[in-house]
N, C-alpha and C. Protein backbone atom coordinates (compact mmCIF):
# COMPACT_ATOMS: atom_id res chain seq x y z
N MET A 1 18.44 14.00 -47.94
CA MET A 1 17.81 12.84 -47.18
C MET A 1 16.49 13.46 -46.46
N PRO A 2 15.46 12.71 -46.68
CA PRO A 2 14.11 13.16 -46.12
C PRO A 2 14.15 13.01 -44.62
N SER A 3 13.44 13.89 -43.91
CA SER A 3 13.37 13.82 -42.44
C SER A 3 12.42 12.68 -42.10
N VAL A 4 12.43 12.38 -40.79
CA VAL A 4 11.55 11.26 -40.36
C VAL A 4 10.09 11.56 -40.62
N SER A 5 9.68 12.76 -40.43
CA SER A 5 8.37 13.17 -40.58
C SER A 5 7.82 13.14 -42.06
N GLU A 6 8.78 13.20 -43.03
CA GLU A 6 8.46 13.21 -44.42
C GLU A 6 8.41 11.73 -44.93
N SER A 7 8.99 10.75 -44.30
CA SER A 7 8.99 9.43 -44.80
C SER A 7 7.63 8.77 -44.77
N PRO A 8 7.31 8.04 -45.85
CA PRO A 8 5.94 7.39 -45.79
C PRO A 8 5.85 6.34 -44.81
N THR A 9 4.63 6.28 -44.19
CA THR A 9 4.46 5.34 -43.13
C THR A 9 3.73 4.09 -43.75
N LYS A 10 4.24 2.92 -43.43
CA LYS A 10 3.62 1.69 -43.90
C LYS A 10 2.73 1.09 -42.84
N HIS A 11 1.46 0.83 -43.09
CA HIS A 11 0.51 0.24 -42.19
C HIS A 11 0.28 -1.12 -42.79
N ILE A 12 0.63 -2.14 -41.93
CA ILE A 12 0.42 -3.43 -42.33
C ILE A 12 -0.81 -4.00 -41.54
N ALA A 13 -1.88 -4.32 -42.21
CA ALA A 13 -3.13 -4.71 -41.61
C ALA A 13 -3.11 -6.19 -41.35
N ALA A 14 -3.82 -6.60 -40.40
CA ALA A 14 -4.03 -8.01 -40.23
C ALA A 14 -4.75 -8.53 -41.44
N PRO A 15 -4.60 -9.89 -41.74
CA PRO A 15 -5.29 -10.40 -42.86
C PRO A 15 -6.78 -10.48 -42.60
N GLU A 16 -7.57 -10.26 -43.61
CA GLU A 16 -9.03 -10.43 -43.48
C GLU A 16 -9.48 -11.75 -43.04
N ARG A 17 -10.45 -11.75 -42.16
CA ARG A 17 -11.01 -13.04 -41.76
C ARG A 17 -12.33 -13.39 -42.57
N SER A 18 -12.55 -14.56 -42.82
CA SER A 18 -13.77 -14.96 -43.47
C SER A 18 -14.94 -14.92 -42.58
N LEU A 19 -16.03 -14.93 -43.00
CA LEU A 19 -17.29 -14.87 -42.15
C LEU A 19 -17.32 -16.07 -41.24
N LEU A 20 -16.84 -17.18 -41.78
CA LEU A 20 -16.89 -18.43 -40.98
C LEU A 20 -15.90 -18.30 -39.77
N GLN A 21 -14.63 -17.75 -40.08
CA GLN A 21 -13.66 -17.58 -38.99
C GLN A 21 -14.23 -16.56 -37.93
N ARG A 22 -14.90 -15.47 -38.42
CA ARG A 22 -15.40 -14.56 -37.41
C ARG A 22 -16.49 -15.11 -36.62
N MET A 23 -17.28 -15.89 -37.13
CA MET A 23 -18.44 -16.50 -36.49
C MET A 23 -17.93 -17.60 -35.45
N ASP A 24 -16.83 -18.36 -35.82
CA ASP A 24 -16.25 -19.31 -34.93
C ASP A 24 -15.53 -18.50 -33.73
N ALA A 25 -14.87 -17.52 -33.99
CA ALA A 25 -14.21 -16.68 -32.90
C ALA A 25 -15.43 -16.12 -31.96
N LEU A 26 -16.47 -15.63 -32.56
CA LEU A 26 -17.56 -15.21 -31.72
C LEU A 26 -18.12 -16.23 -30.87
N GLN A 27 -18.33 -17.39 -31.46
CA GLN A 27 -18.86 -18.56 -30.69
C GLN A 27 -17.89 -18.97 -29.47
N ARG A 28 -16.57 -18.99 -29.76
CA ARG A 28 -15.70 -19.25 -28.71
C ARG A 28 -15.64 -18.17 -27.64
N ALA A 29 -15.80 -16.96 -27.93
CA ALA A 29 -15.83 -15.93 -26.97
C ALA A 29 -17.00 -15.85 -26.13
N ASN A 30 -18.20 -16.30 -26.78
CA ASN A 30 -19.45 -16.40 -26.07
C ASN A 30 -19.34 -17.58 -25.07
N ASP A 31 -18.77 -18.66 -25.52
CA ASP A 31 -18.61 -19.91 -24.70
C ASP A 31 -17.86 -19.45 -23.41
N VAL A 32 -16.64 -18.83 -23.59
CA VAL A 32 -15.90 -18.40 -22.51
C VAL A 32 -16.65 -17.50 -21.58
N ARG A 33 -17.42 -16.56 -22.02
CA ARG A 33 -18.21 -15.65 -21.18
C ARG A 33 -19.17 -16.40 -20.38
N THR A 34 -19.80 -17.37 -21.06
CA THR A 34 -20.92 -18.17 -20.47
C THR A 34 -20.22 -18.94 -19.25
N ARG A 35 -19.04 -19.64 -19.57
CA ARG A 35 -18.52 -20.45 -18.54
C ARG A 35 -18.01 -19.69 -17.38
N ARG A 36 -17.38 -18.48 -17.67
CA ARG A 36 -17.02 -17.66 -16.58
C ARG A 36 -18.12 -17.14 -15.69
N ALA A 37 -19.20 -16.78 -16.32
CA ALA A 37 -20.37 -16.36 -15.51
C ALA A 37 -20.89 -17.43 -14.66
N LYS A 38 -20.92 -18.61 -15.16
CA LYS A 38 -21.29 -19.83 -14.32
C LYS A 38 -20.39 -20.00 -13.11
N LEU A 39 -19.09 -19.94 -13.43
CA LEU A 39 -18.11 -20.13 -12.39
C LEU A 39 -18.28 -18.94 -11.30
N LYS A 40 -18.49 -17.77 -11.73
CA LYS A 40 -18.64 -16.69 -10.78
C LYS A 40 -19.93 -16.83 -9.90
N ARG A 41 -20.92 -17.44 -10.51
CA ARG A 41 -22.10 -17.77 -9.73
C ARG A 41 -21.90 -18.92 -8.69
N ASP A 42 -21.05 -19.91 -9.15
CA ASP A 42 -20.56 -20.92 -8.28
C ASP A 42 -19.70 -20.46 -7.03
N LEU A 43 -18.84 -19.53 -7.40
CA LEU A 43 -18.05 -18.88 -6.40
C LEU A 43 -18.89 -18.18 -5.44
N LYS A 44 -19.76 -17.37 -5.86
CA LYS A 44 -20.71 -16.61 -5.00
C LYS A 44 -21.52 -17.42 -4.14
N ALA A 45 -21.89 -18.62 -4.65
CA ALA A 45 -22.79 -19.53 -3.78
C ALA A 45 -22.00 -20.49 -2.95
N GLY A 46 -20.59 -20.41 -3.05
CA GLY A 46 -19.76 -21.27 -2.24
C GLY A 46 -19.68 -22.73 -2.77
N ARG A 47 -20.14 -22.98 -3.94
CA ARG A 47 -19.96 -24.37 -4.49
C ARG A 47 -18.54 -24.62 -5.12
N GLN A 48 -17.82 -23.58 -5.31
CA GLN A 48 -16.49 -23.68 -5.85
C GLN A 48 -15.43 -22.98 -5.06
N PRO A 49 -14.46 -23.65 -4.66
CA PRO A 49 -13.36 -22.94 -3.71
C PRO A 49 -12.44 -22.22 -4.59
N ILE A 50 -12.12 -21.00 -4.28
CA ILE A 50 -11.24 -20.10 -5.11
C ILE A 50 -9.80 -20.66 -5.03
N HIS A 51 -9.37 -21.46 -3.99
CA HIS A 51 -7.95 -21.92 -3.99
C HIS A 51 -7.71 -22.89 -5.18
N GLU A 52 -8.66 -23.76 -5.54
CA GLU A 52 -8.43 -24.67 -6.68
C GLU A 52 -8.27 -23.88 -7.94
N LEU A 53 -9.10 -22.91 -8.14
CA LEU A 53 -9.04 -22.04 -9.36
C LEU A 53 -7.71 -21.39 -9.56
N LEU A 54 -7.20 -20.84 -8.45
CA LEU A 54 -5.96 -20.07 -8.46
C LEU A 54 -4.78 -21.05 -8.80
N LEU A 55 -4.76 -22.16 -8.08
CA LEU A 55 -3.65 -23.15 -8.23
C LEU A 55 -3.62 -23.84 -9.65
N GLU A 56 -4.86 -24.29 -10.05
CA GLU A 56 -5.01 -25.09 -11.40
C GLU A 56 -6.16 -24.49 -12.16
N PRO A 57 -6.00 -23.27 -12.76
CA PRO A 57 -7.11 -22.62 -13.50
C PRO A 57 -7.44 -23.25 -14.78
N PRO A 58 -8.74 -23.50 -15.05
CA PRO A 58 -9.10 -24.02 -16.35
C PRO A 58 -8.67 -23.09 -17.44
N GLU A 59 -8.57 -23.59 -18.68
CA GLU A 59 -8.15 -22.90 -19.79
C GLU A 59 -8.95 -21.59 -20.06
N TYR A 60 -10.32 -21.63 -19.97
CA TYR A 60 -11.07 -20.51 -20.23
C TYR A 60 -10.97 -19.35 -19.17
N LEU A 61 -10.28 -19.64 -18.12
CA LEU A 61 -10.06 -18.61 -17.03
C LEU A 61 -8.65 -17.93 -17.05
N GLU A 62 -7.85 -18.47 -18.02
CA GLU A 62 -6.45 -17.92 -18.08
C GLU A 62 -6.38 -16.44 -18.37
N THR A 63 -7.31 -15.99 -19.20
CA THR A 63 -7.28 -14.57 -19.65
C THR A 63 -8.17 -13.64 -18.70
N ALA A 64 -8.79 -14.20 -17.66
CA ALA A 64 -9.61 -13.47 -16.75
C ALA A 64 -8.77 -12.64 -15.82
N LYS A 65 -9.36 -11.52 -15.40
CA LYS A 65 -8.57 -10.67 -14.40
C LYS A 65 -8.74 -11.30 -13.05
N VAL A 66 -7.62 -11.27 -12.27
CA VAL A 66 -7.61 -11.78 -10.89
C VAL A 66 -8.59 -11.01 -10.09
N PHE A 67 -8.57 -9.58 -10.21
CA PHE A 67 -9.45 -8.73 -9.52
C PHE A 67 -10.93 -9.10 -9.72
N ASP A 68 -11.33 -9.35 -10.88
CA ASP A 68 -12.76 -9.72 -11.18
C ASP A 68 -13.11 -11.07 -10.54
N LEU A 69 -12.25 -12.08 -10.65
CA LEU A 69 -12.52 -13.36 -10.02
C LEU A 69 -12.70 -13.24 -8.42
N LEU A 70 -11.71 -12.50 -7.83
CA LEU A 70 -11.77 -12.34 -6.44
C LEU A 70 -13.01 -11.54 -5.85
N LEU A 71 -13.49 -10.65 -6.76
CA LEU A 71 -14.72 -9.93 -6.40
C LEU A 71 -15.95 -10.88 -6.34
N ALA A 72 -15.89 -12.04 -6.98
CA ALA A 72 -16.95 -12.96 -6.97
C ALA A 72 -16.98 -13.79 -5.67
N VAL A 73 -16.03 -13.80 -4.92
CA VAL A 73 -15.96 -14.54 -3.66
C VAL A 73 -16.82 -13.79 -2.60
N PRO A 74 -17.62 -14.60 -1.84
CA PRO A 74 -18.39 -13.94 -0.82
C PRO A 74 -17.57 -13.21 0.19
N LYS A 75 -18.14 -12.12 0.65
CA LYS A 75 -17.43 -11.30 1.69
C LYS A 75 -16.16 -10.56 1.18
N TYR A 76 -15.95 -10.58 -0.10
CA TYR A 76 -14.80 -9.83 -0.69
C TYR A 76 -15.24 -8.62 -1.53
N GLY A 77 -15.13 -7.44 -1.19
CA GLY A 77 -15.42 -6.33 -1.93
C GLY A 77 -14.20 -5.61 -2.53
N ARG A 78 -14.42 -4.54 -3.17
CA ARG A 78 -13.27 -3.77 -3.82
C ARG A 78 -12.14 -3.45 -2.92
N VAL A 79 -12.46 -2.99 -1.77
CA VAL A 79 -11.46 -2.59 -0.84
C VAL A 79 -10.56 -3.75 -0.36
N LYS A 80 -11.22 -4.85 0.03
CA LYS A 80 -10.55 -5.97 0.53
C LYS A 80 -9.75 -6.68 -0.56
N VAL A 81 -10.33 -6.73 -1.79
CA VAL A 81 -9.50 -7.34 -2.88
C VAL A 81 -8.35 -6.46 -3.26
N ASN A 82 -8.56 -5.15 -3.24
CA ASN A 82 -7.30 -4.32 -3.54
C ASN A 82 -6.30 -4.54 -2.44
N LYS A 83 -6.61 -4.55 -1.18
CA LYS A 83 -5.68 -4.73 -0.10
C LYS A 83 -4.90 -6.08 -0.29
N ILE A 84 -5.62 -7.14 -0.64
CA ILE A 84 -4.97 -8.49 -0.78
C ILE A 84 -4.05 -8.40 -2.03
N LEU A 85 -4.41 -7.83 -3.12
CA LEU A 85 -3.59 -7.76 -4.34
C LEU A 85 -2.30 -6.90 -4.04
N SER A 86 -2.49 -5.84 -3.31
CA SER A 86 -1.26 -5.05 -3.02
C SER A 86 -0.31 -5.79 -1.99
N GLN A 87 -0.85 -6.58 -1.06
CA GLN A 87 0.00 -7.33 -0.22
C GLN A 87 0.76 -8.38 -0.98
N CYS A 88 0.18 -8.93 -2.01
CA CYS A 88 0.89 -9.95 -2.84
C CYS A 88 1.56 -9.34 -3.96
N ARG A 89 1.63 -8.09 -4.12
CA ARG A 89 2.29 -7.38 -5.10
C ARG A 89 1.87 -7.72 -6.51
N ILE A 90 0.49 -7.81 -6.64
CA ILE A 90 -0.15 -8.17 -7.93
C ILE A 90 -0.96 -6.96 -8.47
N SER A 91 -0.76 -6.61 -9.71
CA SER A 91 -1.53 -5.53 -10.37
C SER A 91 -3.00 -5.91 -10.48
N PRO A 92 -3.90 -5.05 -10.21
CA PRO A 92 -5.37 -5.35 -10.43
C PRO A 92 -5.70 -5.83 -11.87
N SER A 93 -4.85 -5.35 -12.82
CA SER A 93 -5.10 -5.67 -14.09
C SER A 93 -4.42 -7.04 -14.64
N LYS A 94 -3.80 -7.77 -13.67
CA LYS A 94 -3.13 -9.01 -13.92
C LYS A 94 -4.12 -10.14 -14.27
N THR A 95 -3.83 -11.01 -15.27
CA THR A 95 -4.70 -12.09 -15.47
C THR A 95 -4.29 -13.33 -14.77
N ILE A 96 -5.26 -14.30 -14.59
CA ILE A 96 -4.97 -15.49 -13.88
C ILE A 96 -3.82 -16.23 -14.42
N GLY A 97 -3.81 -16.33 -15.77
CA GLY A 97 -2.66 -17.03 -16.52
C GLY A 97 -1.38 -16.31 -16.34
N GLY A 98 -1.27 -14.98 -15.97
CA GLY A 98 -0.12 -14.26 -15.89
C GLY A 98 0.44 -14.20 -14.52
N LEU A 99 -0.10 -14.90 -13.58
CA LEU A 99 0.45 -14.98 -12.21
C LEU A 99 1.68 -15.84 -12.15
N SER A 100 2.61 -15.41 -11.35
CA SER A 100 3.77 -16.28 -11.19
C SER A 100 3.41 -17.31 -9.97
N GLN A 101 4.26 -18.31 -9.86
CA GLN A 101 4.07 -19.26 -8.79
C GLN A 101 4.05 -18.63 -7.46
N ARG A 102 5.01 -17.66 -7.21
CA ARG A 102 5.01 -16.99 -5.95
C ARG A 102 3.75 -16.19 -5.74
N GLN A 103 3.25 -15.48 -6.69
CA GLN A 103 1.98 -14.74 -6.54
C GLN A 103 0.72 -15.66 -6.21
N ARG A 104 0.76 -16.79 -6.93
CA ARG A 104 -0.27 -17.79 -6.74
C ARG A 104 -0.25 -18.26 -5.24
N ALA A 105 0.87 -18.69 -4.83
CA ALA A 105 1.09 -19.17 -3.45
C ALA A 105 0.63 -18.15 -2.41
N GLU A 106 1.18 -16.93 -2.57
CA GLU A 106 0.78 -15.89 -1.61
C GLU A 106 -0.60 -15.51 -1.57
N LEU A 107 -1.27 -15.54 -2.85
CA LEU A 107 -2.70 -15.21 -2.91
C LEU A 107 -3.47 -16.37 -2.31
N VAL A 108 -3.12 -17.60 -2.50
CA VAL A 108 -3.91 -18.75 -1.93
C VAL A 108 -3.81 -18.66 -0.42
N ALA A 109 -2.57 -18.43 0.10
CA ALA A 109 -2.34 -18.29 1.46
C ALA A 109 -3.20 -17.23 2.12
N LEU A 110 -3.37 -16.09 1.49
CA LEU A 110 -4.21 -15.01 2.08
C LEU A 110 -5.70 -15.31 1.96
N MET A 111 -6.03 -15.98 0.88
CA MET A 111 -7.48 -16.32 0.71
C MET A 111 -7.86 -17.37 1.67
N ARG A 112 -7.08 -18.20 2.16
CA ARG A 112 -7.43 -19.29 3.13
C ARG A 112 -7.57 -18.82 4.51
N ARG A 113 -7.19 -17.63 4.77
CA ARG A 113 -7.32 -17.11 6.23
C ARG A 113 -8.77 -16.93 6.53
């Protein structure tokens, strides 16, 4: 019986994408980045309240990091954002879409202070 180290390893690759599929994915990614950048500018300028985004995030914001979004809010720097996230027991690498209802509620309550 061959040992585990001697057994052949099978690598299953993802199917190849056509040029059209790759260009479509690139276009969608660019669109998401553009919309997020505009949203961050609106947050920074005070035109968009953070509470609404946390409670009802748009689809393009689901995969954004909570940490990055909170940094765009005026008067919130790295130290304050880390403190808020630790109080709410939220990892800095957590995405907006990955937040539980409890985490959303605690985060909104802290941000409204």
